[in-house]
Amino acid sequence: AGVQLPRGHFGQLAHAAAAGSSYPPWLAGLARQSWEVEL
């Protein structure tokens, strides 16, 4: 299974990864819904 992200969401992830910060709030819900992964 995979999820297609809008360009803006991918940009948020790339920025957070480069800055070494936490992931955007929307990611936890998406991971839970798509793969039952708790972040």
ModelCIF file with pLDDT and N, C-alpha, C, O atoms, coordinates in Angstrom:
data_MODEL
#
_entry.id   MODEL 
#
_entity.id                         1 
_entity.type                       polymer 
_entity.pdbx_number_of_molecules   1 
#
_entity_poly.entity_id                      1 
_entity_poly.type                           'polypeptide(L)' 
_entity_poly.nstd_linkage                   no 
_entity_poly.nstd_monomer                   no 
_entity_poly.pdbx_seq_one_letter_code       AGVQLPRGHFGQLAHAAAAGSSYPPWLAGLARQSWEVEL 
_entity_poly.pdbx_seq_one_letter_code_can   AGVQLPRGHFGQLAHAAAAGSSYPPWLAGLARQSWEVEL 
_entity_poly.pdbx_strand_id                 A 
#
loop_
_entity_poly_seq.entity_id 
_entity_poly_seq.num 
_entity_poly_seq.mon_id 
_entity_poly_seq.hetero 
1 1  ALA n 
1 2  GLY n 
1 3  VAL n 
1 4  GLN n 
1 5  LEU n 
1 6  PRO n 
1 7  ARG n 
1 8  GLY n 
1 9  HIS n 
1 10 PHE n 
1 11 GLY n 
1 12 GLN n 
1 13 LEU n 
1 14 ALA n 
1 15 HIS n 
1 16 ALA n 
1 17 ALA n 
1 18 ALA n 
1 19 ALA n 
1 20 GLY n 
1 21 SER n 
1 22 SER n 
1 23 TYR n 
1 24 PRO n 
1 25 PRO n 
1 26 TRP n 
1 27 LEU n 
1 28 ALA n 
1 29 GLY n 
1 30 LEU n 
1 31 ALA n 
1 32 ARG n 
1 33 GLN n 
1 34 SER n 
1 35 TRP n 
1 36 GLU n 
1 37 VAL n 
1 38 GLU n 
1 39 LEU n 
#
_struct_asym.id          A 
_struct_asym.entity_id   1 
#
loop_
_ma_qa_metric.id 
_ma_qa_metric.mode 
_ma_qa_metric.name 
_ma_qa_metric.software_group_id 
_ma_qa_metric.type 
1 global pLDDT . pLDDT 
2 local  pLDDT . pLDDT 
#
_ma_qa_metric_global.metric_id      1 
_ma_qa_metric_global.metric_value   92.46 
_ma_qa_metric_global.model_id       1 
_ma_qa_metric_global.ordinal_id     1 
#
loop_
_ma_qa_metric_local.label_asym_id 
_ma_qa_metric_local.label_comp_id 
_ma_qa_metric_local.label_seq_id 
_ma_qa_metric_local.metric_id 
_ma_qa_metric_local.metric_value 
_ma_qa_metric_local.model_id 
_ma_qa_metric_local.ordinal_id 
A ALA 1  2 88.00 1 1  
A GLY 2  2 90.00 1 2  
A VAL 3  2 93.00 1 3  
A GLN 4  2 95.00 1 4  
A LEU 5  2 95.00 1 5  
A PRO 6  2 96.00 1 6  
A ARG 7  2 95.00 1 7  
A GLY 8  2 96.00 1 8  
A HIS 9  2 96.00 1 9  
A PHE 10 2 96.00 1 10 
A GLY 11 2 95.00 1 11 
A GLN 12 2 95.00 1 12 
A LEU 13 2 94.00 1 13 
A ALA 14 2 93.00 1 14 
A HIS 15 2 94.00 1 15 
A ALA 16 2 92.00 1 16 
A ALA 17 2 91.00 1 17 
A ALA 18 2 91.00 1 18 
A ALA 19 2 92.00 1 19 
A GLY 20 2 89.00 1 20 
A SER 21 2 90.00 1 21 
A SER 22 2 91.00 1 22 
A TYR 23 2 89.00 1 23 
A PRO 24 2 92.00 1 24 
A PRO 25 2 89.00 1 25 
A TRP 26 2 93.00 1 26 
A LEU 27 2 93.00 1 27 
A ALA 28 2 91.00 1 28 
A GLY 29 2 92.00 1 29 
A LEU 30 2 93.00 1 30 
A ALA 31 2 93.00 1 31 
A ARG 32 2 93.00 1 32 
A GLN 33 2 94.00 1 33 
A SER 34 2 94.00 1 34 
A TRP 35 2 93.00 1 35 
A GLU 36 2 93.00 1 36 
A VAL 37 2 90.00 1 37 
A GLU 38 2 90.00 1 38 
A LEU 39 2 87.00 1 39 
#
loop_
_atom_site.group_PDB 
_atom_site.id 
_atom_site.type_symbol 
_atom_site.label_atom_id 
_atom_site.label_alt_id 
_atom_site.label_comp_id 
_atom_site.label_asym_id 
_atom_site.label_entity_id 
_atom_site.label_seq_id 
_atom_site.pdbx_PDB_ins_code 
_atom_site.Cartn_x 
_atom_site.Cartn_y 
_atom_site.Cartn_z 
_atom_site.occupancy 
_atom_site.B_iso_or_equiv 
_atom_site.pdbx_formal_charge 
_atom_site.auth_seq_id 
_atom_site.auth_comp_id 
_atom_site.auth_asym_id 
_atom_site.auth_atom_id 
_atom_site.pdbx_PDB_model_num 
ATOM 1   N N  . ALA A 1 1  ? 0.840  -1.204 0.000  1.00 88.00 ? 1  ALA A N  1 
ATOM 2   C CA . ALA A 1 1  ? 0.000  0.000  0.000  1.00 88.00 ? 1  ALA A CA 1 
ATOM 3   C C  . ALA A 1 1  ? 0.872  1.250  0.000  1.00 88.00 ? 1  ALA A C  1 
ATOM 4   O O  . ALA A 1 1  ? 1.952  1.274  0.591  1.00 88.00 ? 1  ALA A O  1 
ATOM 5   N N  . GLY A 1 2  ? 0.391  2.266  -0.662 1.00 90.00 ? 2  GLY A N  1 
ATOM 6   C CA . GLY A 1 2  ? 1.084  3.548  -0.688 1.00 90.00 ? 2  GLY A CA 1 
ATOM 7   C C  . GLY A 1 2  ? 0.073  4.671  -0.757 1.00 90.00 ? 2  GLY A C  1 
ATOM 8   O O  . GLY A 1 2  ? -1.104 4.449  -1.041 1.00 90.00 ? 2  GLY A O  1 
ATOM 9   N N  . VAL A 1 3  ? 0.543  5.878  -0.493 1.00 93.00 ? 3  VAL A N  1 
ATOM 10  C CA . VAL A 1 3  ? -0.316 7.052  -0.509 1.00 93.00 ? 3  VAL A CA 1 
ATOM 11  C C  . VAL A 1 3  ? 0.335  8.100  -1.401 1.00 93.00 ? 3  VAL A C  1 
ATOM 12  O O  . VAL A 1 3  ? 1.529  8.374  -1.279 1.00 93.00 ? 3  VAL A O  1 
ATOM 13  N N  . GLN A 1 4  ? -0.441 8.676  -2.282 1.00 95.00 ? 4  GLN A N  1 
ATOM 14  C CA . GLN A 1 4  ? 0.062  9.775  -3.101 1.00 95.00 ? 4  GLN A CA 1 
ATOM 15  C C  . GLN A 1 4  ? -0.127 11.072 -2.325 1.00 95.00 ? 4  GLN A C  1 
ATOM 16  O O  . GLN A 1 4  ? -1.230 11.380 -1.872 1.00 95.00 ? 4  GLN A O  1 
ATOM 17  N N  . LEU A 1 5  ? 0.951  11.823 -2.177 1.00 95.00 ? 5  LEU A N  1 
ATOM 18  C CA . LEU A 1 5  ? 0.925  13.077 -1.426 1.00 95.00 ? 5  LEU A CA 1 
ATOM 19  C C  . LEU A 1 5  ? 0.831  14.274 -2.353 1.00 95.00 ? 5  LEU A C  1 
ATOM 20  O O  . LEU A 1 5  ? 1.358  14.238 -3.464 1.00 95.00 ? 5  LEU A O  1 
ATOM 21  N N  . PRO A 1 6  ? 0.166  15.333 -1.913 1.00 96.00 ? 6  PRO A N  1 
ATOM 22  C CA . PRO A 1 6  ? 0.246  16.588 -2.652 1.00 96.00 ? 6  PRO A CA 1 
ATOM 23  C C  . PRO A 1 6  ? 1.678  17.128 -2.552 1.00 96.00 ? 6  PRO A C  1 
ATOM 24  O O  . PRO A 1 6  ? 2.392  16.836 -1.592 1.00 96.00 ? 6  PRO A O  1 
ATOM 25  N N  . ARG A 1 7  ? 2.083  17.903 -3.537 1.00 95.00 ? 7  ARG A N  1 
ATOM 26  C CA . ARG A 1 7  ? 3.438  18.456 -3.561 1.00 95.00 ? 7  ARG A CA 1 
ATOM 27  C C  . ARG A 1 7  ? 3.743  19.238 -2.281 1.00 95.00 ? 7  ARG A C  1 
ATOM 28  O O  . ARG A 1 7  ? 4.859  19.163 -1.764 1.00 95.00 ? 7  ARG A O  1 
ATOM 29  N N  . GLY A 1 8  ? 2.772  19.980 -1.769 1.00 96.00 ? 8  GLY A N  1 
ATOM 30  C CA . GLY A 1 8  ? 2.974  20.760 -0.549 1.00 96.00 ? 8  GLY A CA 1 
ATOM 31  C C  . GLY A 1 8  ? 3.272  19.892 0.660  1.00 96.00 ? 8  GLY A C  1 
ATOM 32  O O  . GLY A 1 8  ? 4.106  20.253 1.491  1.00 96.00 ? 8  GLY A O  1 
ATOM 33  N N  . HIS A 1 9  ? 2.602  18.753 0.770  1.00 96.00 ? 9  HIS A N  1 
ATOM 34  C CA . HIS A 1 9  ? 2.857  17.836 1.885  1.00 96.00 ? 9  HIS A CA 1 
ATOM 35  C C  . HIS A 1 9  ? 4.260  17.244 1.776  1.00 96.00 ? 9  HIS A C  1 
ATOM 36  O O  . HIS A 1 9  ? 4.973  17.129 2.773  1.00 96.00 ? 9  HIS A O  1 
ATOM 37  N N  . PHE A 1 10 ? 4.648  16.870 0.557  1.00 96.00 ? 10 PHE A N  1 
ATOM 38  C CA . PHE A 1 10 ? 6.004  16.349 0.376  1.00 96.00 ? 10 PHE A CA 1 
ATOM 39  C C  . PHE A 1 10 ? 7.028  17.420 0.750  1.00 96.00 ? 10 PHE A C  1 
ATOM 40  O O  . PHE A 1 10 ? 8.047  17.119 1.372  1.00 96.00 ? 10 PHE A O  1 
ATOM 41  N N  . GLY A 1 11 ? 6.756  18.666 0.371  1.00 95.00 ? 11 GLY A N  1 
ATOM 42  C CA . GLY A 1 11 ? 7.645  19.774 0.715  1.00 95.00 ? 11 GLY A CA 1 
ATOM 43  C C  . GLY A 1 11 ? 7.776  19.951 2.222  1.00 95.00 ? 11 GLY A C  1 
ATOM 44  O O  . GLY A 1 11 ? 8.862  20.241 2.724  1.00 95.00 ? 11 GLY A O  1 
ATOM 45  N N  . GLN A 1 12 ? 6.672  19.777 2.944  1.00 95.00 ? 12 GLN A N  1 
ATOM 46  C CA . GLN A 1 12 ? 6.715  19.875 4.406  1.00 95.00 ? 12 GLN A CA 1 
ATOM 47  C C  . GLN A 1 12 ? 7.598  18.777 4.996  1.00 95.00 ? 12 GLN A C  1 
ATOM 48  O O  . GLN A 1 12 ? 8.381  19.024 5.914  1.00 95.00 ? 12 GLN A O  1 
ATOM 49  N N  . LEU A 1 13 ? 7.465  17.564 4.461  1.00 94.00 ? 13 LEU A N  1 
ATOM 50  C CA . LEU A 1 13 ? 8.294  16.456 4.944  1.00 94.00 ? 13 LEU A CA 1 
ATOM 51  C C  . LEU A 1 13 ? 9.767  16.699 4.639  1.00 94.00 ? 13 LEU A C  1 
ATOM 52  O O  . LEU A 1 13 ? 10.626 16.471 5.491  1.00 94.00 ? 13 LEU A O  1 
ATOM 53  N N  . ALA A 1 14 ? 10.061 17.164 3.421  1.00 93.00 ? 14 ALA A N  1 
ATOM 54  C CA . ALA A 1 14 ? 11.447 17.431 3.033  1.00 93.00 ? 14 ALA A CA 1 
ATOM 55  C C  . ALA A 1 14 ? 12.050 18.520 3.917  1.00 93.00 ? 14 ALA A C  1 
ATOM 56  O O  . ALA A 1 14 ? 13.200 18.411 4.343  1.00 93.00 ? 14 ALA A O  1 
ATOM 57  N N  . HIS A 1 15 ? 11.278 19.563 4.192  1.00 94.00 ? 15 HIS A N  1 
ATOM 58  C CA . HIS A 1 15 ? 11.763 20.655 5.041  1.00 94.00 ? 15 HIS A CA 1 
ATOM 59  C C  . HIS A 1 15 ? 12.027 20.159 6.459  1.00 94.00 ? 15 HIS A C  1 
ATOM 60  O O  . HIS A 1 15 ? 13.061 20.481 7.045  1.00 94.00 ? 15 HIS A O  1 
ATOM 61  N N  . ALA A 1 16 ? 11.101 19.379 7.015  1.00 92.00 ? 16 ALA A N  1 
ATOM 62  C CA . ALA A 1 16 ? 11.262 18.849 8.375  1.00 92.00 ? 16 ALA A CA 1 
ATOM 63  C C  . ALA A 1 16 ? 12.472 17.918 8.456  1.00 92.00 ? 16 ALA A C  1 
ATOM 64  O O  . ALA A 1 16 ? 13.209 17.936 9.442  1.00 92.00 ? 16 ALA A O  1 
ATOM 65  N N  . ALA A 1 17 ? 12.674 17.108 7.421  1.00 91.00 ? 17 ALA A N  1 
ATOM 66  C CA . ALA A 1 17 ? 13.821 16.191 7.416  1.00 91.00 ? 17 ALA A CA 1 
ATOM 67  C C  . ALA A 1 17 ? 15.138 16.971 7.363  1.00 91.00 ? 17 ALA A C  1 
ATOM 68  O O  . ALA A 1 17 ? 16.086 16.642 8.076  1.00 91.00 ? 17 ALA A O  1 
ATOM 69  N N  . ALA A 1 18 ? 15.193 17.992 6.527  1.00 91.00 ? 18 ALA A N  1 
ATOM 70  C CA . ALA A 1 18 ? 16.405 18.797 6.399  1.00 91.00 ? 18 ALA A CA 1 
ATOM 71  C C  . ALA A 1 18 ? 16.711 19.562 7.683  1.00 91.00 ? 18 ALA A C  1 
ATOM 72  O O  . ALA A 1 18 ? 17.875 19.746 8.038  1.00 91.00 ? 18 ALA A O  1 
ATOM 73  N N  . ALA A 1 19 ? 15.666 20.005 8.376  1.00 92.00 ? 19 ALA A N  1 
ATOM 74  C CA . ALA A 1 19 ? 15.836 20.784 9.606  1.00 92.00 ? 19 ALA A CA 1 
ATOM 75  C C  . ALA A 1 19 ? 16.048 19.891 10.833 1.00 92.00 ? 19 ALA A C  1 
ATOM 76  O O  . ALA A 1 19 ? 16.420 20.373 11.902 1.00 92.00 ? 19 ALA A O  1 
ATOM 77  N N  . GLY A 1 20 ? 15.807 18.587 10.669 1.00 89.00 ? 20 GLY A N  1 
ATOM 78  C CA . GLY A 1 20 ? 15.919 17.685 11.808 1.00 89.00 ? 20 GLY A CA 1 
ATOM 79  C C  . GLY A 1 20 ? 14.815 17.868 12.832 1.00 89.00 ? 20 GLY A C  1 
ATOM 80  O O  . GLY A 1 20 ? 14.995 17.577 14.015 1.00 89.00 ? 20 GLY A O  1 
ATOM 81  N N  . SER A 1 21 ? 13.669 18.354 12.368 1.00 90.00 ? 21 SER A N  1 
ATOM 82  C CA . SER A 1 21 ? 12.558 18.617 13.285 1.00 90.00 ? 21 SER A CA 1 
ATOM 83  C C  . SER A 1 21 ? 11.547 17.480 13.274 1.00 90.00 ? 21 SER A C  1 
ATOM 84  O O  . SER A 1 21 ? 11.750 16.458 12.618 1.00 90.00 ? 21 SER A O  1 
ATOM 85  N N  . SER A 1 22 ? 10.470 17.668 14.001 1.00 91.00 ? 22 SER A N  1 
ATOM 86  C CA . SER A 1 22 ? 9.423  16.653 14.055 1.00 91.00 ? 22 SER A CA 1 
ATOM 87  C C  . SER A 1 22 ? 8.586  16.693 12.779 1.00 91.00 ? 22 SER A C  1 
ATOM 88  O O  . SER A 1 22 ? 8.605  17.678 12.041 1.00 91.00 ? 22 SER A O  1 
ATOM 89  N N  . TYR A 1 23 ? 7.868  15.635 12.536 1.00 89.00 ? 23 TYR A N  1 
ATOM 90  C CA . TYR A 1 23 ? 7.049  15.541 11.328 1.00 89.00 ? 23 TYR A CA 1 
ATOM 91  C C  . TYR A 1 23 ? 5.800  16.396 11.473 1.00 89.00 ? 23 TYR A C  1 
ATOM 92  O O  . TYR A 1 23 ? 5.389  16.719 12.588 1.00 89.00 ? 23 TYR A O  1 
ATOM 93  N N  . PRO A 1 24 ? 5.191  16.766 10.338 1.00 92.00 ? 24 PRO A N  1 
ATOM 94  C CA . PRO A 1 24 ? 3.960  17.569 10.375 1.00 92.00 ? 24 PRO A CA 1 
ATOM 95  C C  . PRO A 1 24 ? 2.829  16.792 11.063 1.00 92.00 ? 24 PRO A C  1 
ATOM 96  O O  . PRO A 1 24 ? 2.796  15.563 10.994 1.00 92.00 ? 24 PRO A O  1 
ATOM 97  N N  . PRO A 1 25 ? 1.914  17.492 11.717 1.00 89.00 ? 25 PRO A N  1 
ATOM 98  C CA . PRO A 1 25 ? 0.826  16.835 12.465 1.00 89.00 ? 25 PRO A CA 1 
ATOM 99  C C  . PRO A 1 25 ? -0.047 15.910 11.618 1.00 89.00 ? 25 PRO A C  1 
ATOM 100 O O  . PRO A 1 25 ? -0.543 14.909 12.134 1.00 89.00 ? 25 PRO A O  1 
ATOM 101 N N  . TRP A 1 26 ? -0.248 16.211 10.346 1.00 93.00 ? 26 TRP A N  1 
ATOM 102 C CA . TRP A 1 26 ? -1.115 15.390 9.498  1.00 93.00 ? 26 TRP A CA 1 
ATOM 103 C C  . TRP A 1 26 ? -0.533 14.001 9.245  1.00 93.00 ? 26 TRP A C  1 
ATOM 104 O O  . TRP A 1 26 ? -1.275 13.079 8.906  1.00 93.00 ? 26 TRP A O  1 
ATOM 105 N N  . LEU A 1 27 ? 0.778  13.835 9.402  1.00 93.00 ? 27 LEU A N  1 
ATOM 106 C CA . LEU A 1 27 ? 1.421  12.563 9.073  1.00 93.00 ? 27 LEU A CA 1 
ATOM 107 C C  . LEU A 1 27 ? 1.000  11.445 10.025 1.00 93.00 ? 27 LEU A C  1 
ATOM 108 O O  . LEU A 1 27 ? 0.830  10.305 9.593  1.00 93.00 ? 27 LEU A O  1 
ATOM 109 N N  . ALA A 1 28 ? 0.831  11.748 11.306 1.00 91.00 ? 28 ALA A N  1 
ATOM 110 C CA . ALA A 1 28 ? 0.462  10.711 12.282 1.00 91.00 ? 28 ALA A CA 1 
ATOM 111 C C  . ALA A 1 28 ? -0.884 10.081 11.927 1.00 91.00 ? 28 ALA A C  1 
ATOM 112 O O  . ALA A 1 28 ? -1.026 8.859  11.965 1.00 91.00 ? 28 ALA A O  1 
ATOM 113 N N  . GLY A 1 29 ? -1.858 10.899 11.588 1.00 92.00 ? 29 GLY A N  1 
ATOM 114 C CA . GLY A 1 29 ? -3.174 10.373 11.215 1.00 92.00 ? 29 GLY A CA 1 
ATOM 115 C C  . GLY A 1 29 ? -3.141 9.563  9.935  1.00 92.00 ? 29 GLY A C  1 
ATOM 116 O O  . GLY A 1 29 ? -3.806 8.534  9.823  1.00 92.00 ? 29 GLY A O  1 
ATOM 117 N N  . LEU A 1 30 ? -2.369 10.029 8.976  1.00 93.00 ? 30 LEU A N  1 
ATOM 118 C CA . LEU A 1 30 ? -2.247 9.322  7.700  1.00 93.00 ? 30 LEU A CA 1 
ATOM 119 C C  . LEU A 1 30 ? -1.578 7.960  7.888  1.00 93.00 ? 30 LEU A C  1 
ATOM 120 O O  . LEU A 1 30 ? -2.012 6.969  7.300  1.00 93.00 ? 30 LEU A O  1 
ATOM 121 N N  . ALA A 1 31 ? -0.525 7.908  8.702  1.00 93.00 ? 31 ALA A N  1 
ATOM 122 C CA . ALA A 1 31 ? 0.168  6.641  8.967  1.00 93.00 ? 31 ALA A CA 1 
ATOM 123 C C  . ALA A 1 31 ? -0.737 5.662  9.706  1.00 93.00 ? 31 ALA A C  1 
ATOM 124 O O  . ALA A 1 31 ? -0.734 4.464  9.423  1.00 93.00 ? 31 ALA A O  1 
ATOM 125 N N  . ARG A 1 32 ? -1.499 6.174  10.641 1.00 93.00 ? 32 ARG A N  1 
ATOM 126 C CA . ARG A 1 32 ? -2.424 5.324  11.405 1.00 93.00 ? 32 ARG A CA 1 
ATOM 127 C C  . ARG A 1 32 ? -3.511 4.761  10.490 1.00 93.00 ? 32 ARG A C  1 
ATOM 128 O O  . ARG A 1 32 ? -3.824 3.572  10.547 1.00 93.00 ? 32 ARG A O  1 
ATOM 129 N N  . GLN A 1 33 ? -4.079 5.616  9.655  1.00 94.00 ? 33 GLN A N  1 
ATOM 130 C CA . GLN A 1 33 ? -5.169 5.203  8.769  1.00 94.00 ? 33 GLN A CA 1 
ATOM 131 C C  . GLN A 1 33 ? -4.683 4.245  7.683  1.00 94.00 ? 33 GLN A C  1 
ATOM 132 O O  . GLN A 1 33 ? -5.384 3.289  7.351  1.00 94.00 ? 33 GLN A O  1 
ATOM 133 N N  . SER A 1 34 ? -3.516 4.481  7.135  1.00 94.00 ? 34 SER A N  1 
ATOM 134 C CA . SER A 1 34 ? -3.038 3.698  6.001  1.00 94.00 ? 34 SER A CA 1 
ATOM 135 C C  . SER A 1 34 ? -2.373 2.386  6.387  1.00 94.00 ? 34 SER A C  1 
ATOM 136 O O  . SER A 1 34 ? -2.549 1.380  5.700  1.00 94.00 ? 34 SER A O  1 
ATOM 137 N N  . TRP A 1 35 ? -1.611 2.383  7.477  1.00 93.00 ? 35 TRP A N  1 
ATOM 138 C CA . TRP A 1 35 ? -0.829 1.191  7.844  1.00 93.00 ? 35 TRP A CA 1 
ATOM 139 C C  . TRP A 1 35 ? -0.952 0.779  9.300  1.00 93.00 ? 35 TRP A C  1 
ATOM 140 O O  . TRP A 1 35 ? -0.276 -0.157 9.725  1.00 93.00 ? 35 TRP A O  1 
ATOM 141 N N  . GLU A 1 36 ? -1.798 1.453  10.082 1.00 93.00 ? 36 GLU A N  1 
ATOM 142 C CA . GLU A 1 36 ? -1.927 1.189  11.509 1.00 93.00 ? 36 GLU A CA 1 
ATOM 143 C C  . GLU A 1 36 ? -0.590 1.380  12.226 1.00 93.00 ? 36 GLU A C  1 
ATOM 144 O O  . GLU A 1 36 ? -0.254 0.638  13.149 1.00 93.00 ? 36 GLU A O  1 
ATOM 145 N N  . VAL A 1 37 ? 0.161  2.382  11.786 1.00 90.00 ? 37 VAL A N  1 
ATOM 146 C CA . VAL A 1 37 ? 1.444  2.734  12.382 1.00 90.00 ? 37 VAL A CA 1 
ATOM 147 C C  . VAL A 1 37 ? 1.238  3.930  13.299 1.00 90.00 ? 37 VAL A C  1 
ATOM 148 O O  . VAL A 1 37 ? 0.677  4.944  12.884 1.00 90.00 ? 37 VAL A O  1 
ATOM 149 N N  . GLU A 1 38 ? 1.686  3.817  14.534 1.00 90.00 ? 38 GLU A N  1 
ATOM 150 C CA . GLU A 1 38 ? 1.571  4.910  15.493 1.00 90.00 ? 38 GLU A CA 1 
ATOM 151 C C  . GLU A 1 38 ? 2.883  5.689  15.526 1.00 90.00 ? 38 GLU A C  1 
ATOM 152 O O  . GLU A 1 38 ? 3.928  5.139  15.871 1.00 90.00 ? 38 GLU A O  1 
ATOM 153 N N  . LEU A 1 39 ? 2.824  6.952  15.170 1.00 87.00 ? 39 LEU A N  1 
ATOM 154 C CA . LEU A 1 39 ? 3.975  7.838  15.259 1.00 87.00 ? 39 LEU A CA 1 
ATOM 155 C C  . LEU A 1 39 ? 3.776  8.708  16.495 1.00 87.00 ? 39 LEU A C  1 
ATOM 156 O O  . LEU A 1 39 ? 4.620  9.551  16.798 1.00 87.00 ? 39 LEU A O  1 
#
